[in-house]
Amino acid sequence: MTTPGPLLDGIRVLDLTNVLAGPFAGYQLALQGADVLKIEMPESGDLARQLGADRELSDNLLGASFLAQNAGKRSLTLNLKDQAGREALLRAVRASDVLVENFRPGVMDRLGVGWDVLRTENPGLVYCAISGFGQTGPMRARPAYDQIVQGLSGMMSVTGTPEAAPLRAGFPVADTLGGMAAAYAIAAALVRRGRSGEGAFLDVSMLEAALTAMGWVTSNYLITGRSPQPMGNENFTAAPSGTFRTADGHLNIAANRQQQFATLCRLIGREELIEDARFSHPADRKAHREQLRAEVEEGLALRTAKEWEDVLSDAGVPAARVLSVPDALELEQLAARDFIRRLPFPGGRERALAVLGSPVRVDGEAVGPASPPPLLGQHTDEVLGELGYGKREIDDLRKRGAI
């Protein structure tokens, strides 16, 4: 039996995006086998090329932020303010399946390459526009970054303790959620196109993606009218469910079910808590969560966080240590699933590049990028040649600043 190829093998994506939400979406598509052409401005490229913790890399347009989300892509430089650059984009659109952009609403139209123009060139095109607030509505033209969306969505209002809130999440969660929503929508649109041949215009709002991801926090308010409050590391749906001190560090426990609570009490040597009137019913445990925390931590003080993680997990009680990012990336679980991929460093530097693969295995196989992130414009001549440009034409485009 023939082994199926990558899920998006044969799909060409034009990635006109910058920084994170859009590049993250394109990266997810590249991981599944799409040929992602990253279209960048000559000389400067994606702003993420200048962002990251290593100044020398950023100065050389290989910022860590760029390297993280662009492996497996090819880079083509086009100046869309130049007529010849726009004509090259139109030729690429005719030979592509998807276009992703995260300009402010209206920018592509002003350049003369908006949806109405592009769908005429390719009726089967899946066009995905990612923006802070969507292509319509009174806030459509506002600039937005991750922190702006975190604040407007209410995320920050429920993050942290009552004393510390509002707090920004320690990573760009709104950008990432917007990119994931875009990748999902593109895949769904390609399925429809496979049945009907019809393209699609996808309008992705980071604000709406953020609210969607907040789940019970938003639904509790919409359905019951109860306004959510910051609760630190506590879980408002159950107790004991949160972060607890042990002999040497912190442990997350989610004993949400009665059986899990009883098992926890027995294992920490506090079996009497099961029948304690303050804690016998789930609602009582939530009402007395601080008293329950003190009792549970008294038992947890007898062992390390790692010991409790193993003991409780083996007994069916969800529990795990609170790790630093470096420690999390060293987990044997990730190594066993080949989640972190090591690639040659762009430009032939004598060092390895580690990037994250896909969180989705396909047919039992780990999925990772096929090539390292591209240098700015690395594949311009190659891609233009595929689009039918001859060497003299490419030289002329370069002389006029179109590429």
Protein backbone atom coordinates (compact mmCIF):
# COMPACT_ATOMS: atom_id res chain seq x y z
CA MET A 1 0.00 0.00 0.00
CA THR A 2 1.30 3.47 -0.93
CA THR A 3 2.01 5.75 2.02
CA PRO A 4 0.05 9.03 1.70
CA GLY A 5 2.10 12.20 1.32
CA PRO A 6 1.86 15.34 3.46
CA LEU A 7 -1.70 16.55 4.00
CA LEU A 8 -1.21 19.76 1.98
CA ASP A 9 1.16 18.39 -0.65
CA GLY A 10 0.63 20.29 -3.92
CA ILE A 11 -0.93 23.34 -2.24
CA ARG A 12 0.87 26.63 -2.87
CA VAL A 13 0.45 29.44 -0.34
CA LEU A 14 1.44 33.07 -0.81
CA ASP A 15 2.37 34.40 2.64
CA LEU A 16 2.37 38.22 2.67
CA THR A 17 2.34 38.43 6.45
CA ASN A 18 4.55 39.99 9.11
CA VAL A 19 5.63 39.33 12.70
CA LEU A 20 3.54 36.53 14.29
CA ALA A 21 -0.17 35.85 13.70
CA GLY A 22 0.15 35.53 9.92
CA PRO A 23 3.58 33.87 9.83
CA PHE A 24 2.37 31.38 12.46
CA ALA A 25 -0.60 30.48 10.22
CA GLY A 26 1.72 30.05 7.23
CA TYR A 27 4.09 27.92 9.30
CA GLN A 28 1.31 25.53 10.28
CA LEU A 29 0.48 25.10 6.58
CA ALA A 30 4.14 24.58 5.68
CA LEU A 31 4.44 21.92 8.38
CA GLN A 32 1.66 19.98 6.67
CA GLY A 33 3.46 20.06 3.33
CA ALA A 34 2.25 23.23 1.61
CA ASP A 35 4.69 25.14 -0.60
CA VAL A 36 4.65 28.44 1.27
CA LEU A 37 6.14 31.39 -0.62
CA LYS A 38 6.94 34.16 1.83
CA ILE A 39 6.58 37.42 -0.10
CA GLU A 40 8.62 40.18 1.54
CA MET A 41 9.63 43.77 0.83
CA PRO A 42 13.09 44.05 -0.72
CA GLU A 43 15.90 44.99 1.69
CA SER A 44 13.83 44.92 4.91
CA GLY A 45 11.51 41.91 4.71
CA ASP A 46 9.29 40.69 7.55
CA LEU A 47 9.69 42.93 10.62
CA ALA A 48 10.24 39.76 12.68
CA ARG A 49 13.63 39.44 10.97
CA GLN A 50 14.70 42.32 13.24
CA LEU A 51 13.13 40.98 16.44
CA GLY A 52 14.42 38.56 19.06
CA ALA A 53 16.82 38.12 21.96
CA ASP A 54 20.03 37.97 19.88
CA ARG A 55 20.97 41.43 18.58
CA GLU A 56 23.54 40.13 16.09
CA LEU A 57 20.97 37.86 14.47
CA SER A 58 18.41 40.66 14.30
CA ASP A 59 20.96 43.01 12.74
CA ASN A 60 21.49 40.38 10.03
CA LEU A 61 17.73 39.99 9.35
CA LEU A 62 17.65 36.57 11.00
CA GLY A 63 15.94 37.54 14.24
CA ALA A 64 14.92 34.72 16.56
CA SER A 65 11.28 35.73 16.19
CA PHE A 66 11.52 35.18 12.44
CA LEU A 67 13.44 31.91 12.69
CA ALA A 68 10.77 30.45 14.99
CA GLN A 69 7.87 30.72 12.50
CA ASN A 70 9.31 30.52 8.99
CA ALA A 71 11.14 27.23 8.53
CA GLY A 72 10.02 25.28 5.49
CA LYS A 73 9.10 28.44 3.54
CA ARG A 74 10.72 30.03 0.49
CA SER A 75 11.39 33.79 0.37
CA LEU A 76 10.50 35.93 -2.63
CA THR A 77 11.00 39.71 -2.51
CA LEU A 78 8.41 41.84 -4.30
CA ASN A 79 7.82 45.57 -4.11
CA LEU A 80 4.04 45.84 -4.31
CA LYS A 81 4.26 49.61 -4.68
CA ASP A 82 5.84 49.03 -8.08
CA GLN A 83 3.61 48.06 -11.02
CA ALA A 84 5.97 45.30 -12.12
CA GLY A 85 6.01 43.92 -8.57
CA ARG A 86 2.21 43.84 -8.52
CA GLU A 87 2.16 42.12 -11.89
CA ALA A 88 4.51 39.45 -10.53
CA LEU A 89 2.15 38.94 -7.58
CA LEU A 90 -0.80 38.51 -9.94
CA ARG A 91 1.13 35.92 -11.91
CA ALA A 92 1.91 34.11 -8.65
CA VAL A 93 -1.77 34.27 -7.62
CA ARG A 94 -2.80 32.55 -10.84
CA ALA A 95 -0.48 29.67 -9.94
CA SER A 96 -1.41 29.46 -6.23
CA ASP A 97 -4.15 28.13 -3.99
CA VAL A 98 -4.01 30.40 -0.94
CA LEU A 99 -3.01 33.97 -0.10
CA VAL A 100 -2.58 35.09 3.51
CA GLU A 101 -2.07 38.71 4.55
CA ASN A 102 -2.23 40.63 7.80
CA PHE A 103 -2.12 44.23 6.65
CA ARG A 104 -4.62 46.68 8.08
CA PRO A 105 -7.99 46.41 6.32
CA GLY A 106 -7.97 48.26 3.02
CA VAL A 107 -4.20 48.21 2.38
CA MET A 108 -4.35 45.46 -0.26
CA ASP A 109 -7.18 47.28 -2.04
CA ARG A 110 -5.18 50.51 -2.09
CA LEU A 111 -2.26 48.62 -3.63
CA GLY A 112 -4.58 47.35 -6.34
CA VAL A 113 -4.32 43.70 -5.35
CA GLY A 114 -7.33 43.25 -3.06
CA TRP A 115 -9.80 40.37 -3.03
CA ASP A 116 -11.97 41.71 -5.85
CA VAL A 117 -8.95 41.85 -8.16
CA LEU A 118 -7.36 38.58 -7.07
CA ARG A 119 -10.49 36.45 -7.35
CA THR A 120 -10.82 37.60 -10.94
CA GLU A 121 -7.30 36.32 -11.59
CA ASN A 122 -8.00 33.05 -9.75
CA PRO A 123 -11.65 32.19 -8.89
CA GLY A 124 -10.48 29.24 -6.80
CA LEU A 125 -8.20 31.33 -4.57
CA VAL A 126 -8.59 31.06 -0.79
CA TYR A 127 -7.82 34.57 0.47
CA CYS A 128 -7.26 34.92 4.22
CA ALA A 129 -7.04 38.36 5.83
CA ILE A 130 -5.90 38.41 9.47
CA SER A 131 -6.36 41.61 11.45
CA GLY A 132 -6.82 42.79 15.00
CA PHE A 133 -10.55 43.38 14.79
CA GLY A 134 -11.74 42.10 11.41
CA GLN A 135 -12.44 43.71 8.05
CA THR A 136 -15.71 45.34 9.15
CA GLY A 137 -17.03 47.28 12.14
CA PRO A 138 -16.10 50.59 13.78
CA MET A 139 -12.69 49.33 15.00
CA ARG A 140 -11.59 47.79 11.71
CA ALA A 141 -8.91 50.42 10.92
CA ARG A 142 -7.27 50.48 14.34
CA PRO A 143 -3.71 49.18 14.72
CA ALA A 144 -3.41 46.14 16.97
CA TYR A 145 -0.71 44.08 18.56
CA ASP A 146 -1.02 41.09 20.85
CA GLN A 147 -1.11 43.12 24.07
CA ILE A 148 -3.81 45.41 22.71
CA VAL A 149 -6.01 42.39 21.98
CA GLN A 150 -5.24 40.76 25.32
CA GLY A 151 -6.50 43.86 27.07
CA LEU A 152 -9.59 44.46 24.96
CA SER A 153 -10.69 40.82 25.06
CA GLY A 154 -10.83 40.72 28.86
CA MET A 155 -7.98 38.22 29.08
CA MET A 156 -5.87 40.53 31.22
CA SER A 157 -8.76 41.26 33.60
CA VAL A 158 -8.94 37.59 34.63
CA THR A 159 -5.19 36.91 34.68
CA GLY A 160 -3.34 37.18 37.98
CA THR A 161 -4.56 37.53 41.54
CA PRO A 162 -7.19 40.06 42.63
CA GLU A 163 -4.31 42.23 43.86
CA ALA A 164 -2.12 41.88 40.75
CA ALA A 165 -4.65 41.89 37.89
CA PRO A 166 -4.81 42.98 35.16
CA LEU A 167 -1.83 41.03 33.88
CA ARG A 168 -0.66 40.24 30.37
CA ALA A 169 -0.06 36.56 29.64
CA GLY A 170 3.65 35.82 29.44
CA PHE A 171 3.51 34.91 25.76
CA PRO A 172 1.72 36.33 22.67
CA VAL A 173 -1.39 34.24 23.08
CA ALA A 174 -3.72 36.47 21.02
CA ASP A 175 -1.37 36.43 18.03
CA THR A 176 -0.99 32.67 18.24
CA LEU A 177 -4.72 32.06 18.54
CA GLY A 178 -5.38 34.30 15.55
CA GLY A 179 -2.82 32.39 13.49
CA MET A 180 -4.21 29.02 14.49
CA ALA A 181 -7.76 30.13 13.64
CA ALA A 182 -6.53 31.28 10.23
CA ALA A 183 -4.76 27.99 9.50
CA TYR A 184 -7.88 26.03 10.45
CA ALA A 185 -10.13 28.23 8.31
CA ILE A 186 -7.81 27.92 5.32
CA ALA A 187 -7.80 24.13 5.59
CA ALA A 188 -11.61 24.12 5.80
CA ALA A 189 -11.89 26.42 2.76
CA LEU A 190 -9.61 24.13 0.77
CA VAL A 191 -11.93 21.21 1.55
CA ARG A 192 -14.90 23.18 0.18
CA ARG A 193 -12.92 24.20 -2.87
CA GLY A 194 -12.08 20.55 -3.48
CA ARG A 195 -15.82 19.84 -3.76
CA SER A 196 -17.01 22.94 -5.60
CA GLY A 197 -13.96 24.62 -7.11
CA GLU A 198 -15.06 27.79 -5.32
CA GLY A 199 -12.54 30.00 -3.54
CA ALA A 200 -13.22 31.91 -0.32
CA PHE A 201 -12.57 35.20 1.44
CA LEU A 202 -11.67 34.53 5.09
CA ASP A 203 -11.86 37.42 7.56
CA VAL A 204 -10.01 36.47 10.77
CA SER A 205 -10.34 38.71 13.83
CA MET A 206 -7.71 38.29 16.55
CA LEU A 207 -10.12 39.84 19.07
CA GLU A 208 -12.81 37.29 18.29
CA ALA A 209 -10.30 34.41 18.29
CA ALA A 210 -9.16 35.49 21.75
CA LEU A 211 -12.71 35.65 23.11
CA THR A 212 -13.53 32.27 21.57
CA ALA A 213 -10.54 30.70 23.31
CA MET A 214 -11.61 31.99 26.73
CA GLY A 215 -14.30 29.31 26.86
CA TRP A 216 -16.03 29.07 30.21
CA VAL A 217 -14.88 32.53 31.22
CA THR A 218 -17.05 34.09 28.51
CA SER A 219 -19.84 31.51 28.55
CA ASN A 220 -20.39 31.84 32.31
CA TYR A 221 -21.07 35.53 31.80
CA LEU A 222 -23.16 35.15 28.64
CA ILE A 223 -25.32 32.39 30.12
CA THR A 224 -25.49 33.22 33.84
CA GLY A 225 -24.57 36.90 33.95
CA ARG A 226 -21.78 36.19 36.43
CA SER A 227 -18.77 38.42 35.78
CA PRO A 228 -15.47 36.51 35.94
CA GLN A 229 -12.83 37.58 38.44
CA PRO A 230 -9.05 37.04 38.61
CA MET A 231 -8.27 34.05 40.82
CA GLY A 232 -4.54 33.62 40.42
CA ASN A 233 -3.67 29.95 40.06
CA GLU A 234 -7.06 28.73 41.27
CA ASN A 235 -9.61 27.08 38.97
CA PHE A 236 -13.02 28.66 39.50
CA THR A 237 -14.83 25.49 38.39
CA ALA A 238 -13.51 23.16 41.09
CA ALA A 239 -11.36 22.68 44.21
CA PRO A 240 -8.75 21.50 44.96
CA SER A 241 -7.68 22.60 41.50
CA GLY A 242 -4.72 24.92 41.21
CA THR A 243 -1.05 25.31 42.15
CA PHE A 244 0.19 23.92 45.45
CA ARG A 245 3.47 24.04 47.39
CA THR A 246 5.39 20.82 47.99
CA ALA A 247 8.68 20.06 49.76
CA ASP A 248 10.73 21.65 46.97
CA GLY A 249 8.56 23.41 44.40
CA HIS A 250 5.11 23.93 42.96
CA LEU A 251 2.68 21.32 41.72
CA ASN A 252 -0.48 21.76 39.69
CA ILE A 253 -3.32 19.49 40.81
CA ALA A 254 -6.75 19.22 39.20
CA ALA A 255 -8.75 16.89 41.45
CA ASN A 256 -12.05 17.96 39.92
CA ARG A 257 -13.99 14.73 40.47
CA GLN A 258 -15.08 13.30 43.81
CA GLN A 259 -13.09 10.13 43.25
CA GLN A 260 -9.96 12.13 42.42
CA PHE A 261 -10.40 14.22 45.57
CA ALA A 262 -10.76 11.11 47.71
CA THR A 263 -7.69 9.51 46.12
CA LEU A 264 -5.67 12.68 46.68
CA CYS A 265 -6.62 12.80 50.35
CA ARG A 266 -5.63 9.18 50.91
CA LEU A 267 -2.29 9.51 49.11
CA ILE A 268 -1.20 12.61 51.03
CA GLY A 269 -2.14 10.99 54.32
CA ARG A 270 -5.17 13.22 54.99
CA GLU A 271 -8.02 10.74 54.53
CA GLU A 272 -10.12 12.53 57.18
CA LEU A 273 -10.64 15.41 54.75
CA ILE A 274 -12.96 13.25 52.65
CA GLU A 275 -15.68 13.33 55.31
CA ASP A 276 -14.88 16.81 56.62
CA ALA A 277 -18.12 18.83 56.39
CA ARG A 278 -16.23 21.75 54.87
CA PHE A 279 -15.07 19.64 51.94
CA SER A 280 -17.50 16.74 51.49
CA HIS A 281 -19.41 18.31 48.57
CA PRO A 282 -17.81 19.95 45.49
CA ALA A 283 -19.63 23.21 46.19
CA ASP A 284 -18.36 23.18 49.79
CA ARG A 285 -14.80 22.67 48.57
CA LYS A 286 -15.06 25.73 46.36
CA ALA A 287 -16.54 27.78 49.19
CA HIS A 288 -13.68 26.78 51.52
CA ARG A 289 -10.90 26.55 48.95
CA GLU A 290 -8.33 28.47 51.01
CA GLN A 291 -8.83 26.23 54.05
CA LEU A 292 -8.65 23.18 51.81
CA ARG A 293 -5.43 24.45 50.25
CA ALA A 294 -3.77 24.71 53.65
CA GLU A 295 -4.79 21.16 54.55
CA VAL A 296 -3.61 19.71 51.23
CA GLU A 297 -0.28 21.54 51.32
CA GLU A 298 0.37 20.15 54.78
CA GLY A 299 0.31 16.67 53.29
CA LEU A 300 2.22 17.64 50.15
CA ALA A 301 5.08 19.05 52.25
CA LEU A 302 6.30 15.49 52.86
CA ARG A 303 7.57 14.90 49.29
CA THR A 304 9.04 16.68 46.31
CA ALA A 305 6.97 17.96 43.40
CA LYS A 306 8.41 15.29 41.09
CA GLU A 307 7.58 12.51 43.55
CA TRP A 308 4.02 13.75 43.92
CA GLU A 309 3.65 14.12 40.16
CA ASP A 310 4.48 10.45 39.68
CA VAL A 311 2.44 9.17 42.64
CA LEU A 312 -0.70 11.15 41.88
CA SER A 313 -0.60 10.67 38.12
CA ASP A 314 -0.20 6.92 38.50
CA ALA A 315 -3.28 6.92 40.73
CA GLY A 316 -5.41 8.83 38.21
CA VAL A 317 -5.20 12.27 39.82
CA PRO A 318 -4.13 14.91 37.26
CA ALA A 319 -0.91 16.45 38.63
CA ALA A 320 2.31 17.89 37.21
CA ARG A 321 5.16 20.14 38.24
CA VAL A 322 5.31 23.81 37.32
CA LEU A 323 8.37 24.00 35.07
CA SER A 324 10.46 26.73 33.55
CA VAL A 325 10.43 26.98 29.75
CA PRO A 326 13.94 25.43 29.47
CA ASP A 327 12.90 22.53 31.70
CA ALA A 328 9.67 22.03 29.74
CA LEU A 329 11.60 21.81 26.47
CA GLU A 330 13.79 19.08 28.00
CA LEU A 331 10.85 16.80 28.82
CA GLU A 332 11.41 13.23 27.66
CA GLN A 333 7.85 13.24 26.32
CA LEU A 334 8.75 15.84 23.70
CA ALA A 335 11.91 14.00 22.70
CA ALA A 336 9.99 10.74 22.34
CA ARG A 337 7.57 12.42 19.92
CA ASP A 338 10.32 14.23 17.95
CA PHE A 339 8.56 17.54 18.55
CA ILE A 340 11.67 19.76 18.56
CA ARG A 341 13.43 19.75 15.19
CA ARG A 342 17.07 20.67 14.54
CA LEU A 343 17.91 22.21 11.19
CA PRO A 344 20.94 23.72 9.46
CA PHE A 345 21.23 27.39 10.34
CA PRO A 346 20.34 29.78 7.49
CA GLY A 347 23.34 31.20 5.70
CA GLY A 348 25.63 28.30 6.55
CA ARG A 349 26.47 29.41 10.09
CA GLU A 350 28.24 26.76 12.12
CA ARG A 351 25.48 26.20 14.63
CA ALA A 352 22.26 24.23 14.77
CA LEU A 353 18.80 25.78 14.73
CA ALA A 354 16.11 24.27 16.95
CA VAL A 355 12.46 24.95 16.09
CA LEU A 356 9.12 23.48 17.11
CA GLY A 357 7.36 21.03 14.83
CA SER A 358 3.63 20.46 14.53
CA PRO A 359 1.58 19.50 17.61
CA VAL A 360 -0.33 17.12 15.31
CA ARG A 361 1.06 13.74 14.27
CA VAL A 362 -0.16 12.44 10.93
CA ASP A 363 -0.61 8.70 10.44
CA GLY A 364 1.57 8.14 13.49
CA GLU A 365 4.44 10.25 12.17
CA ALA A 366 5.87 13.44 13.65
CA VAL A 367 5.62 16.46 11.37
CA GLY A 368 8.40 19.03 11.10
CA PRO A 369 9.71 21.64 8.64
CA ALA A 370 11.42 20.37 5.52
CA SER A 371 14.01 23.15 5.36
CA PRO A 372 15.43 25.99 7.49
CA PRO A 373 13.97 29.51 7.41
CA PRO A 374 14.98 31.39 4.25
CA LEU A 375 17.37 34.27 3.88
CA LEU A 376 15.62 37.41 2.64
CA GLY A 377 14.90 36.91 -1.05
CA GLN A 378 16.76 33.62 -1.14
CA HIS A 379 14.35 32.03 -3.62
CA THR A 380 13.34 35.08 -5.67
CA ASP A 381 15.01 34.00 -8.94
CA GLU A 382 13.93 30.39 -8.44
CA VAL A 383 10.27 31.24 -7.90
CA LEU A 384 10.10 33.82 -10.66
CA GLY A 385 11.61 31.24 -13.00
CA GLU A 386 8.82 28.84 -12.02
CA LEU A 387 6.33 31.59 -12.89
CA GLY A 388 7.77 31.90 -16.39
CA TYR A 389 10.16 34.86 -16.04
CA GLY A 390 13.39 34.65 -17.97
CA LYS A 391 16.78 35.69 -16.63
CA ARG A 392 16.77 39.00 -18.52
CA GLU A 393 13.29 39.84 -17.20
CA ILE A 394 14.38 39.05 -13.65
CA ASP A 395 17.45 41.27 -14.05
CA ASP A 396 15.23 44.09 -15.29
CA LEU A 397 12.88 43.68 -12.31
CA ARG A 398 15.83 43.88 -9.96
CA LYS A 399 17.22 47.01 -11.64
CA ARG A 400 13.91 48.88 -11.27
CA GLY A 401 13.53 47.86 -7.62
CA ALA A 402 10.49 45.64 -8.18
CA ILE A 403 12.18 42.68 -6.48
